[in-house]
Amino acid sequence: MRKPERVRAEGLPERVTIYEVGPRDGLQNESAIVDVAVKAEFIRRLADAGLTTIETTSFVHPKWVPQLADAAELLAALDLPTAVRAPVLVPNERGLDRALEAGVREIAIFASATETFAKKNLNSTVDDQFTMFAPTVRRALDEGLAVRGYVSMCYGDPWEGDVPAEQVVRVGARLVELGCHELSLGDTIGVATPGQVVRLISELGKAGVGVDKLAVHFHDTYGQALANTLTALREGVTTVDSSAGGLGGCPYAESATGNLATEDLVWQLDGLGIETGVDLDKLVPTSTWMATQLGKPSASRVVQALAG
């Protein structure tokens, strides 16, 4: 398999953690319901390819995300190495109850930076979403769970347009105050450009949220995901969300296309001499296999190039 030449560049981290979201954020946006056995095999193959953080599923009510209605069954079917983190998304205390019953040790909550998306995704307001999050995070921390906070619509909103950085900072800082150990900044509709990325990271730093707590989550709607990721790395971020094969979008924002493909990210990081622990020789066949299960080609440019 073709490999990129490794050439180090100044001002970049030596290692990056890839937070794989394909099994959750990717598959939740598929129109077809994927069999639980296929999901379990997908996750096992991702772990075998060297991914050590794999967001496996969501305990959202099946009415809203029927593609992930089998969350408990899926987790019961998994037998991952102890070194592999397997966080799940939970929307509220009921979701947390189900996650705890399934033996989950790490969760994520999903907040909105804009009023319209908060209404459409959470049936709430930007302020009121924290009334729901607070007891969920408190109980999770009391149970010894790690809690990640997602902030969606960080750069643009399909209904409200450009999103002021200070609006995102307010939401992100409140999530950190609640106890979130990590904050993932979501470019939900893929409109960000590098200048916006630098500005938001800087403004979060001024508010006391340092790069050590940040992750970035880019969609590739306008082809900017890799450029934005490289920019975030230069600003000191070392955790990047991506989805094997470029699976995903957002069920509540139709203009959102797929996530940054894990293969495309690994190709770039490999070429920069940045360690990830991920083996493209195993990851590309995994995404090719999953694309076959879904009946459509992979969106990843690297998968397309290497799989032939």
C-alpha atoms as a PDB file:
ATOM      1  CA  MET A   1       0.000   0.000   0.000  1.00  0.00           C
ATOM      2  CA  ARG A   2       1.286   3.465  -0.914  1.00  0.00           C
ATOM      3  CA  LYS A   3       2.572   5.505   2.042  1.00  0.00           C
ATOM      4  CA  PRO A   4       3.182   9.259   2.329  1.00  0.00           C
ATOM      5  CA  GLU A   5       6.750  10.441   2.746  1.00  0.00           C
ATOM      6  CA  ARG A   6       7.256  11.501   6.368  1.00  0.00           C
ATOM      7  CA  VAL A   7       8.485  15.086   6.656  1.00  0.00           C
ATOM      8  CA  ARG A   8       8.232  16.827  10.004  1.00  0.00           C
ATOM      9  CA  ALA A   9       7.029  20.428  10.167  1.00  0.00           C
ATOM     10  CA  GLU A  10       7.746  22.898  12.934  1.00  0.00           C
ATOM     11  CA  GLY A  11       5.129  23.792  15.508  1.00  0.00           C
ATOM     12  CA  LEU A  12       3.178  20.536  15.446  1.00  0.00           C
ATOM     13  CA  PRO A  13       2.620  17.921  18.170  1.00  0.00           C
ATOM     14  CA  GLU A  14       4.559  14.679  18.130  1.00  0.00           C
ATOM     15  CA  ARG A  15       1.412  12.620  18.758  1.00  0.00           C
ATOM     16  CA  VAL A  16      -2.302  13.105  18.100  1.00  0.00           C
ATOM     17  CA  THR A  17      -5.205  11.186  19.628  1.00  0.00           C
ATOM     18  CA  ILE A  18      -7.836  10.264  17.055  1.00  0.00           C
ATOM     19  CA  TYR A  19     -11.320  10.152  18.554  1.00  0.00           C
ATOM     20  CA  GLU A  20     -13.175   7.820  16.182  1.00  0.00           C
ATOM     21  CA  VAL A  21     -16.874   8.682  15.812  1.00  0.00           C
ATOM     22  CA  GLY A  22     -17.884   6.495  12.865  1.00  0.00           C
ATOM     23  CA  PRO A  23     -19.913   3.886  14.776  1.00  0.00           C
ATOM     24  CA  ARG A  24     -21.989   6.595  16.466  1.00  0.00           C
ATOM     25  CA  ASP A  25     -21.927   9.892  14.567  1.00  0.00           C
ATOM     26  CA  GLY A  26     -21.425   8.111  11.269  1.00  0.00           C
ATOM     27  CA  LEU A  27     -24.018   5.368  11.431  1.00  0.00           C
ATOM     28  CA  GLN A  28     -26.700   7.504  13.098  1.00  0.00           C
ATOM     29  CA  ASN A  29     -27.001   9.436   9.845  1.00  0.00           C
ATOM     30  CA  GLU A  30     -27.455   6.391   7.624  1.00  0.00           C
ATOM     31  CA  SER A  31     -30.951   5.843   6.283  1.00  0.00           C
ATOM     32  CA  ALA A  32     -30.620   2.083   6.640  1.00  0.00           C
ATOM     33  CA  ILE A  33     -30.614   0.277   9.971  1.00  0.00           C
ATOM     34  CA  VAL A  34     -27.296  -1.550  10.271  1.00  0.00           C
ATOM     35  CA  ASP A  35     -27.424  -4.956  11.942  1.00  0.00           C
ATOM     36  CA  VAL A  36     -25.909  -5.058  15.417  1.00  0.00           C
ATOM     37  CA  ALA A  37     -23.506  -7.818  14.399  1.00  0.00           C
ATOM     38  CA  VAL A  38     -22.161  -5.634  11.589  1.00  0.00           C
ATOM     39  CA  LYS A  39     -21.715  -2.716  13.975  1.00  0.00           C
ATOM     40  CA  ALA A  40     -19.854  -4.891  16.452  1.00  0.00           C
ATOM     41  CA  GLU A  41     -17.555  -6.221  13.718  1.00  0.00           C
ATOM     42  CA  PHE A  42     -16.940  -2.657  12.492  1.00  0.00           C
ATOM     43  CA  ILE A  43     -15.873  -1.572  15.972  1.00  0.00           C
ATOM     44  CA  ARG A  44     -13.659  -4.629  16.434  1.00  0.00           C
ATOM     45  CA  ARG A  45     -11.928  -3.922  13.119  1.00  0.00           C
ATOM     46  CA  LEU A  46     -11.400  -0.269  14.056  1.00  0.00           C
ATOM     47  CA  ALA A  47      -9.770  -1.339  17.312  1.00  0.00           C
ATOM     48  CA  ASP A  48      -7.613  -3.847  15.453  1.00  0.00           C
ATOM     49  CA  ALA A  49      -6.462  -1.009  13.167  1.00  0.00           C
ATOM     50  CA  GLY A  50      -5.062   0.777  16.217  1.00  0.00           C
ATOM     51  CA  LEU A  51      -7.826   3.204  17.152  1.00  0.00           C
ATOM     52  CA  THR A  52      -7.899   3.446  20.936  1.00  0.00           C
ATOM     53  CA  THR A  53     -10.868   5.799  21.373  1.00  0.00           C
ATOM     54  CA  ILE A  54     -14.036   4.686  19.595  1.00  0.00           C
ATOM     55  CA  GLU A  55     -17.381   6.334  20.309  1.00  0.00           C
ATOM     56  CA  THR A  56     -19.553   3.275  19.950  1.00  0.00           C
ATOM     57  CA  THR A  57     -23.190   4.353  20.171  1.00  0.00           C
ATOM     58  CA  SER A  58     -25.762   6.663  21.739  1.00  0.00           C
ATOM     59  CA  PHE A  59     -28.441   6.218  24.378  1.00  0.00           C
ATOM     60  CA  VAL A  60     -30.741   8.745  22.742  1.00  0.00           C
ATOM     61  CA  HIS A  61     -34.405   7.714  22.655  1.00  0.00           C
ATOM     62  CA  PRO A  62     -34.942   5.275  19.736  1.00  0.00           C
ATOM     63  CA  LYS A  63     -37.770   7.467  18.443  1.00  0.00           C
ATOM     64  CA  TRP A  64     -35.270  10.192  17.575  1.00  0.00           C
ATOM     65  CA  VAL A  65     -32.334   8.054  16.393  1.00  0.00           C
ATOM     66  CA  PRO A  66     -33.712   4.618  15.425  1.00  0.00           C
ATOM     67  CA  GLN A  67     -30.376   3.677  13.847  1.00  0.00           C
ATOM     68  CA  LEU A  68     -28.887   3.391  17.358  1.00  0.00           C
ATOM     69  CA  ALA A  69     -31.820   1.759  19.132  1.00  0.00           C
ATOM     70  CA  ASP A  70     -29.685  -1.344  19.714  1.00  0.00           C
ATOM     71  CA  ALA A  71     -27.158   0.469  21.962  1.00  0.00           C
ATOM     72  CA  ALA A  72     -27.374  -1.906  24.930  1.00  0.00           C
ATOM     73  CA  GLU A  73     -27.330  -4.986  22.693  1.00  0.00           C
ATOM     74  CA  LEU A  74     -24.278  -3.664  20.839  1.00  0.00           C
ATOM     75  CA  LEU A  75     -22.280  -2.973  23.993  1.00  0.00           C
ATOM     76  CA  ALA A  76     -23.109  -6.442  25.307  1.00  0.00           C
ATOM     77  CA  ALA A  77     -21.715  -7.915  22.084  1.00  0.00           C
ATOM     78  CA  LEU A  78     -18.383  -6.091  22.324  1.00  0.00           C
ATOM     79  CA  ASP A  79     -15.265  -7.501  23.927  1.00  0.00           C
ATOM     80  CA  LEU A  80     -12.682  -4.792  23.331  1.00  0.00           C
ATOM     81  CA  PRO A  81      -9.127  -4.681  24.694  1.00  0.00           C
ATOM     82  CA  THR A  82      -8.887  -2.821  28.002  1.00  0.00           C
ATOM     83  CA  ALA A  83      -6.729  -0.164  26.331  1.00  0.00           C
ATOM     84  CA  VAL A  84      -9.601   0.859  24.031  1.00  0.00           C
ATOM     85  CA  ARG A  85     -11.863   3.605  25.336  1.00  0.00           C
ATOM     86  CA  ALA A  86     -15.491   3.141  24.281  1.00  0.00           C
ATOM     87  CA  PRO A  87     -17.453   6.296  25.169  1.00  0.00           C
ATOM     88  CA  VAL A  88     -21.149   6.681  24.366  1.00  0.00           C
ATOM     89  CA  LEU A  89     -23.365   9.715  23.860  1.00  0.00           C
ATOM     90  CA  VAL A  90     -26.110  10.345  26.420  1.00  0.00           C
ATOM     91  CA  PRO A  91     -28.723  13.119  26.173  1.00  0.00           C
ATOM     92  CA  ASN A  92     -30.040  13.203  29.733  1.00  0.00           C
ATOM     93  CA  GLU A  93     -30.354  11.298  33.008  1.00  0.00           C
ATOM     94  CA  ARG A  94     -32.471   8.532  31.474  1.00  0.00           C
ATOM     95  CA  GLY A  95     -29.774   7.980  28.875  1.00  0.00           C
ATOM     96  CA  LEU A  96     -27.202   7.935  31.674  1.00  0.00           C
ATOM     97  CA  ASP A  97     -29.231   5.287  33.533  1.00  0.00           C
ATOM     98  CA  ARG A  98     -29.141   3.056  30.465  1.00  0.00           C
ATOM     99  CA  ALA A  99     -25.431   3.688  29.939  1.00  0.00           C
ATOM    100  CA  LEU A 100     -24.634   2.777  33.543  1.00  0.00           C
ATOM    101  CA  GLU A 101     -26.702  -0.399  33.243  1.00  0.00           C
ATOM    102  CA  ALA A 102     -24.562  -1.300  30.222  1.00  0.00           C
ATOM    103  CA  GLY A 103     -21.336  -0.803  32.170  1.00  0.00           C
ATOM    104  CA  VAL A 104     -20.150   2.297  30.322  1.00  0.00           C
ATOM    105  CA  ARG A 105     -17.210   4.154  31.897  1.00  0.00           C
ATOM    106  CA  GLU A 106     -17.119   7.238  29.678  1.00  0.00           C
ATOM    107  CA  ILE A 107     -19.896   9.413  28.255  1.00  0.00           C
ATOM    108  CA  ALA A 108     -20.384  12.478  26.101  1.00  0.00           C
ATOM    109  CA  ILE A 109     -23.105  15.129  26.183  1.00  0.00           C
ATOM    110  CA  PHE A 110     -24.128  17.213  23.201  1.00  0.00           C
ATOM    111  CA  ALA A 111     -24.777  20.961  23.532  1.00  0.00           C
ATOM    112  CA  SER A 112     -25.712  23.631  21.021  1.00  0.00           C
ATOM    113  CA  ALA A 113     -24.147  27.065  20.621  1.00  0.00           C
ATOM    114  CA  THR A 114     -27.243  28.408  18.831  1.00  0.00           C
ATOM    115  CA  GLU A 115     -30.881  28.790  19.813  1.00  0.00           C
ATOM    116  CA  THR A 116     -32.380  27.281  16.665  1.00  0.00           C
ATOM    117  CA  PHE A 117     -30.291  24.119  16.797  1.00  0.00           C
ATOM    118  CA  ALA A 118     -30.939  23.790  20.538  1.00  0.00           C
ATOM    119  CA  LYS A 119     -34.645  23.839  19.755  1.00  0.00           C
ATOM    120  CA  LYS A 120     -34.427  21.381  16.855  1.00  0.00           C
ATOM    121  CA  ASN A 121     -31.919  18.974  18.416  1.00  0.00           C
ATOM    122  CA  LEU A 122     -32.720  19.211  22.127  1.00  0.00           C
ATOM    123  CA  ASN A 123     -36.175  20.824  22.240  1.00  0.00           C
ATOM    124  CA  SER A 124     -34.603  23.379  24.555  1.00  0.00           C
ATOM    125  CA  THR A 125     -32.928  26.775  24.633  1.00  0.00           C
ATOM    126  CA  VAL A 126     -29.210  27.462  24.915  1.00  0.00           C
ATOM    127  CA  ASP A 127     -29.617  28.338  28.602  1.00  0.00           C
ATOM    128  CA  ASP A 128     -32.145  25.649  29.481  1.00  0.00           C
ATOM    129  CA  GLN A 129     -30.000  22.857  28.015  1.00  0.00           C
ATOM    130  CA  PHE A 130     -27.756  23.224  31.057  1.00  0.00           C
ATOM    131  CA  THR A 131     -30.672  22.447  33.359  1.00  0.00           C
ATOM    132  CA  MET A 132     -30.753  19.042  31.659  1.00  0.00           C
ATOM    133  CA  PHE A 133     -26.985  18.590  31.570  1.00  0.00           C
ATOM    134  CA  ALA A 134     -26.167  19.560  35.166  1.00  0.00           C
ATOM    135  CA  PRO A 135     -27.684  16.544  37.000  1.00  0.00           C
ATOM    136  CA  THR A 136     -26.505  14.186  34.255  1.00  0.00           C
ATOM    137  CA  VAL A 137     -22.887  15.340  34.529  1.00  0.00           C
ATOM    138  CA  ARG A 138     -22.995  15.446  38.335  1.00  0.00           C
ATOM    139  CA  ARG A 139     -24.254  11.874  38.585  1.00  0.00           C
ATOM    140  CA  ALA A 140     -21.782  10.655  35.971  1.00  0.00           C
ATOM    141  CA  LEU A 141     -18.876  12.204  37.854  1.00  0.00           C
ATOM    142  CA  ASP A 142     -20.144  10.725  41.127  1.00  0.00           C
ATOM    143  CA  GLU A 143     -20.096   7.316  39.396  1.00  0.00           C
ATOM    144  CA  GLY A 144     -16.487   7.871  38.370  1.00  0.00           C
ATOM    145  CA  LEU A 145     -17.226   8.361  34.663  1.00  0.00           C
ATOM    146  CA  ALA A 146     -15.279  10.684  32.392  1.00  0.00           C
ATOM    147  CA  VAL A 147     -17.501  13.234  30.635  1.00  0.00           C
ATOM    148  CA  ARG A 148     -16.851  14.851  27.269  1.00  0.00           C
ATOM    149  CA  GLY A 149     -18.827  17.888  26.111  1.00  0.00           C
ATOM    150  CA  TYR A 150     -19.658  18.496  22.464  1.00  0.00           C
ATOM    151  CA  VAL A 151     -20.514  22.000  21.273  1.00  0.00           C
ATOM    152  CA  SER A 152     -22.309  21.997  17.925  1.00  0.00           C
ATOM    153  CA  MET A 153     -22.682  24.873  15.432  1.00  0.00           C
ATOM    154  CA  CYS A 154     -19.415  26.490  16.535  1.00  0.00           C
ATOM    155  CA  TYR A 155     -18.783  28.377  13.303  1.00  0.00           C
ATOM    156  CA  GLY A 156     -22.006  28.581  11.363  1.00  0.00           C
ATOM    157  CA  ASP A 157     -25.659  27.646  11.673  1.00  0.00           C
ATOM    158  CA  PRO A 158     -27.920  26.927   8.656  1.00  0.00           C
ATOM    159  CA  TRP A 159     -30.741  28.988  10.189  1.00  0.00           C
ATOM    160  CA  GLU A 160     -28.836  31.737  11.999  1.00  0.00           C
ATOM    161  CA  GLY A 161     -25.780  32.230   9.795  1.00  0.00           C
ATOM    162  CA  ASP A 162     -22.368  33.057  11.261  1.00  0.00           C
ATOM    163  CA  VAL A 163     -22.020  32.202  14.940  1.00  0.00           C
ATOM    164  CA  PRO A 164     -20.158  34.744  17.128  1.00  0.00           C
ATOM    165  CA  ALA A 165     -17.129  33.217  18.861  1.00  0.00           C
ATOM    166  CA  GLU A 166     -18.212  34.660  22.216  1.00  0.00           C
ATOM    167  CA  GLN A 167     -21.474  32.720  21.933  1.00  0.00           C
ATOM    168  CA  VAL A 168     -19.542  29.461  21.567  1.00  0.00           C
ATOM    169  CA  VAL A 169     -17.179  30.389  24.391  1.00  0.00           C
ATOM    170  CA  ARG A 170     -20.073  30.923  26.802  1.00  0.00           C
ATOM    171  CA  VAL A 171     -21.468  27.464  26.086  1.00  0.00           C
ATOM    172  CA  GLY A 172     -18.074  25.750  26.120  1.00  0.00           C
ATOM    173  CA  ALA A 173     -16.952  27.382  29.361  1.00  0.00           C
ATOM    174  CA  ARG A 174     -20.186  26.343  31.081  1.00  0.00           C
ATOM    175  CA  LEU A 175     -19.661  22.729  30.026  1.00  0.00           C
ATOM    176  CA  VAL A 176     -16.161  22.786  31.485  1.00  0.00           C
ATOM    177  CA  GLU A 177     -17.514  24.359  34.689  1.00  0.00           C
ATOM    178  CA  LEU A 178     -20.009  21.486  34.942  1.00  0.00           C
ATOM    179  CA  GLY A 179     -17.100  19.038  34.950  1.00  0.00           C
ATOM    180  CA  CYS A 180     -16.477  18.034  31.333  1.00  0.00           C
ATOM    181  CA  HIS A 181     -12.866  16.891  31.008  1.00  0.00           C
ATOM    182  CA  GLU A 182     -12.802  17.535  27.260  1.00  0.00           C
ATOM    183  CA  LEU A 183     -14.574  19.956  24.939  1.00  0.00           C
ATOM    184  CA  SER A 184     -15.102  19.009  21.297  1.00  0.00           C
ATOM    185  CA  LEU A 185     -15.671  22.008  19.019  1.00  0.00           C
ATOM    186  CA  GLY A 186     -18.039  20.996  16.232  1.00  0.00           C
ATOM    187  CA  ASP A 187     -18.144  22.542  12.785  1.00  0.00           C
ATOM    188  CA  THR A 188     -21.489  20.863  12.269  1.00  0.00           C
ATOM    189  CA  ILE A 189     -22.194  22.128   8.745  1.00  0.00           C
ATOM    190  CA  GLY A 190     -18.571  22.317   7.619  1.00  0.00           C
ATOM    191  CA  VAL A 191     -18.327  26.063   6.947  1.00  0.00           C
ATOM    192  CA  ALA A 192     -15.273  26.944   9.082  1.00  0.00           C
ATOM    193  CA  THR A 193     -12.021  28.275   7.683  1.00  0.00           C
ATOM    194  CA  PRO A 194      -8.657  28.459   9.482  1.00  0.00           C
ATOM    195  CA  GLY A 195      -8.989  32.051  10.674  1.00  0.00           C
ATOM    196  CA  GLN A 196     -12.163  31.184  12.543  1.00  0.00           C
ATOM    197  CA  VAL A 197     -10.453  28.183  14.108  1.00  0.00           C
ATOM    198  CA  VAL A 198      -7.581  30.322  15.426  1.00  0.00           C
ATOM    199  CA  ARG A 199      -9.989  32.946  16.755  1.00  0.00           C
ATOM    200  CA  LEU A 200     -12.196  30.466  18.625  1.00  0.00           C
ATOM    201  CA  ILE A 201      -9.278  28.639  20.239  1.00  0.00           C
ATOM    202  CA  SER A 202      -7.806  31.982  21.286  1.00  0.00           C
ATOM    203  CA  GLU A 203     -11.073  33.238  22.772  1.00  0.00           C
ATOM    204  CA  LEU A 204     -11.570  29.999  24.696  1.00  0.00           C
ATOM    205  CA  GLY A 205      -8.063  30.373  26.092  1.00  0.00           C
ATOM    206  CA  LYS A 206      -8.882  33.888  27.304  1.00  0.00           C
ATOM    207  CA  ALA A 207     -11.924  32.411  29.071  1.00  0.00           C
ATOM    208  CA  GLY A 208      -9.745  29.863  30.863  1.00  0.00           C
ATOM    209  CA  VAL A 209     -10.376  26.884  28.591  1.00  0.00           C
ATOM    210  CA  GLY A 210      -6.911  25.844  27.428  1.00  0.00           C
ATOM    211  CA  VAL A 211      -5.955  23.719  24.441  1.00  0.00           C
ATOM    212  CA  ASP A 212      -5.279  20.791  26.776  1.00  0.00           C
ATOM    213  CA  LYS A 213      -9.069  20.469  27.158  1.00  0.00           C
ATOM    214  CA  LEU A 214      -9.950  20.926  23.489  1.00  0.00           C
ATOM    215  CA  ALA A 215     -10.731  18.560  20.648  1.00  0.00           C
ATOM    216  CA  VAL A 216     -11.842  19.539  17.152  1.00  0.00           C
ATOM    217  CA  HIS A 217     -14.626  18.015  15.086  1.00  0.00           C
ATOM    218  CA  PHE A 218     -14.795  19.131  11.460  1.00  0.00           C
ATOM    219  CA  HIS A 219     -17.175  18.255   8.668  1.00  0.00           C
ATOM    220  CA  ASP A 220     -15.903  18.457   5.103  1.00  0.00           C
ATOM    221  CA  THR A 221     -18.856  20.126   3.375  1.00  0.00           C
ATOM    222  CA  TYR A 222     -16.664  22.783   1.745  1.00  0.00           C
ATOM    223  CA  GLY A 223     -13.449  20.738   1.647  1.00  0.00           C
ATOM    224  CA  GLN A 224     -11.874  22.590   4.576  1.00  0.00           C
ATOM    225  CA  ALA A 225     -11.677  19.859   7.226  1.00  0.00           C
ATOM    226  CA  LEU A 226      -7.986  18.967   6.812  1.00  0.00           C
ATOM    227  CA  ALA A 227      -6.893  22.611   6.567  1.00  0.00           C
ATOM    228  CA  ASN A 228      -8.864  23.428   9.698  1.00  0.00           C
ATOM    229  CA  THR A 229      -7.418  20.420  11.513  1.00  0.00           C
ATOM    230  CA  LEU A 230      -3.847  21.384  10.647  1.00  0.00           C
ATOM    231  CA  THR A 231      -4.576  24.892  11.898  1.00  0.00           C
ATOM    232  CA  ALA A 232      -5.912  23.538  15.206  1.00  0.00           C
ATOM    233  CA  LEU A 233      -2.797  21.359  15.607  1.00  0.00           C
ATOM    234  CA  ARG A 234      -0.592  24.415  15.132  1.00  0.00           C
ATOM    235  CA  GLU A 235      -2.579  26.084  17.918  1.00  0.00           C
ATOM    236  CA  GLY A 236      -1.757  23.181  20.260  1.00  0.00           C
ATOM    237  CA  VAL A 237      -4.808  20.919  19.966  1.00  0.00           C
ATOM    238  CA  THR A 238      -3.875  17.217  20.097  1.00  0.00           C
ATOM    239  CA  THR A 239      -7.260  15.429  19.903  1.00  0.00           C
ATOM    240  CA  VAL A 240      -9.101  15.233  16.585  1.00  0.00           C
ATOM    241  CA  ASP A 241     -12.501  13.671  15.928  1.00  0.00           C
ATOM    242  CA  SER A 242     -12.898  11.762  12.669  1.00  0.00           C
ATOM    243  CA  SER A 243     -15.034   9.066  11.121  1.00  0.00           C
ATOM    244  CA  ALA A 244     -13.786   5.977   9.304  1.00  0.00           C
ATOM    245  CA  GLY A 245     -14.650   6.253   5.638  1.00  0.00           C
ATOM    246  CA  GLY A 246     -16.011   9.780   6.147  1.00  0.00           C
ATOM    247  CA  LEU A 247     -19.331   8.425   7.417  1.00  0.00           C
ATOM    248  CA  GLY A 248     -21.792  10.817   8.963  1.00  0.00           C
ATOM    249  CA  GLY A 249     -23.531  14.137   8.864  1.00  0.00           C
ATOM    250  CA  CYS A 250     -26.208  15.409  11.201  1.00  0.00           C
ATOM    251  CA  PRO A 251     -29.840  14.224  11.245  1.00  0.00           C
ATOM    252  CA  TYR A 252     -31.037  17.665  12.393  1.00  0.00           C
ATOM    253  CA  ALA A 253     -29.023  19.790   9.922  1.00  0.00           C
ATOM    254  CA  GLU A 254     -29.545  18.649   6.333  1.00  0.00           C
ATOM    255  CA  SER A 255     -26.697  20.815   4.999  1.00  0.00           C
ATOM    256  CA  ALA A 256     -24.169  18.845   7.071  1.00  0.00           C
ATOM    257  CA  THR A 257     -22.223  16.326   5.024  1.00  0.00           C
ATOM    258  CA  GLY A 258     -19.783  13.711   6.216  1.00  0.00           C
ATOM    259  CA  ASN A 259     -17.211  14.001   8.955  1.00  0.00           C
ATOM    260  CA  LEU A 260     -13.518  14.310   8.279  1.00  0.00           C
ATOM    261  CA  ALA A 261     -12.482  10.828   7.143  1.00  0.00           C
ATOM    262  CA  THR A 262     -10.149   9.042   9.532  1.00  0.00           C
ATOM    263  CA  GLU A 263      -8.070   7.711   6.638  1.00  0.00           C
ATOM    264  CA  ASP A 264      -7.558  11.207   5.195  1.00  0.00           C
ATOM    265  CA  LEU A 265      -6.528  12.462   8.625  1.00  0.00           C
ATOM    266  CA  VAL A 266      -4.109   9.579   9.205  1.00  0.00           C
ATOM    267  CA  TRP A 267      -2.523  10.082   5.762  1.00  0.00           C
ATOM    268  CA  GLN A 268      -1.829  13.728   6.599  1.00  0.00           C
ATOM    269  CA  LEU A 269      -0.544  13.004  10.096  1.00  0.00           C
ATOM    270  CA  ASP A 270       1.641  10.136   8.863  1.00  0.00           C
ATOM    271  CA  GLY A 271       3.140  12.447   6.264  1.00  0.00           C
ATOM    272  CA  LEU A 272       3.910  14.997   8.960  1.00  0.00           C
ATOM    273  CA  GLY A 273       5.621  12.385  11.110  1.00  0.00           C
ATOM    274  CA  ILE A 274       2.941  12.667  13.799  1.00  0.00           C
ATOM    275  CA  GLU A 275       2.234   9.437  15.659  1.00  0.00           C
ATOM    276  CA  THR A 276      -1.340   8.140  15.929  1.00  0.00           C
ATOM    277  CA  GLY A 277      -0.922   4.395  16.399  1.00  0.00           C
ATOM    278  CA  VAL A 278      -3.330   3.805  13.498  1.00  0.00           C
ATOM    279  CA  ASP A 279      -2.445   1.358  10.725  1.00  0.00           C
ATOM    280  CA  LEU A 280      -3.792   2.447   7.319  1.00  0.00           C
ATOM    281  CA  ASP A 281      -3.139  -1.056   5.965  1.00  0.00           C
ATOM    282  CA  LYS A 282      -5.895  -2.285   8.290  1.00  0.00           C
ATOM    283  CA  LEU A 283      -8.108   0.800   8.389  1.00  0.00           C
ATOM    284  CA  VAL A 284      -8.647   1.167   4.625  1.00  0.00           C
ATOM    285  CA  PRO A 285      -9.970  -2.421   4.202  1.00  0.00           C
ATOM    286  CA  THR A 286     -12.202  -1.830   7.236  1.00  0.00           C
ATOM    287  CA  SER A 287     -13.847   1.200   5.640  1.00  0.00           C
ATOM    288  CA  THR A 288     -14.075  -0.560   2.278  1.00  0.00           C
ATOM    289  CA  TRP A 289     -15.837  -3.453   4.010  1.00  0.00           C
ATOM    290  CA  MET A 290     -18.216  -1.085   5.816  1.00  0.00           C
ATOM    291  CA  ALA A 291     -19.014   0.748   2.592  1.00  0.00           C
ATOM    292  CA  THR A 292     -19.992  -2.603   1.083  1.00  0.00           C
ATOM    293  CA  GLN A 293     -22.300  -3.265   4.038  1.00  0.00           C
ATOM    294  CA  LEU A 294     -23.946   0.121   3.466  1.00  0.00           C
ATOM    295  CA  GLY A 295     -24.166  -0.362  -0.288  1.00  0.00           C
ATOM    296  CA  LYS A 296     -22.355   2.830  -1.255  1.00  0.00           C
ATOM    297  CA  PRO A 297     -18.765   3.955  -1.895  1.00  0.00           C
ATOM    298  CA  SER A 298     -16.606   5.434   0.850  1.00  0.00           C
ATOM    299  CA  ALA A 299     -16.407   9.235   0.907  1.00  0.00           C
ATOM    300  CA  SER A 300     -12.752   9.106   1.989  1.00  0.00           C
ATOM    301  CA  ARG A 301     -10.349  10.248  -0.716  1.00  0.00           C
ATOM    302  CA  VAL A 302      -7.598   8.064   0.745  1.00  0.00           C
ATOM    303  CA  VAL A 303      -9.851   4.994   0.746  1.00  0.00           C
ATOM    304  CA  GLN A 304     -10.766   5.713  -2.884  1.00  0.00           C
ATOM    305  CA  ALA A 305      -7.087   6.078  -3.836  1.00  0.00           C
ATOM    306  CA  LEU A 306      -5.748   3.063  -1.963  1.00  0.00           C
ATOM    307  CA  ALA A 307      -8.618   0.624  -2.375  1.00  0.00           C
ATOM    308  CA  GLY A 308      -8.640   1.084  -6.143  1.00  0.00           C
END
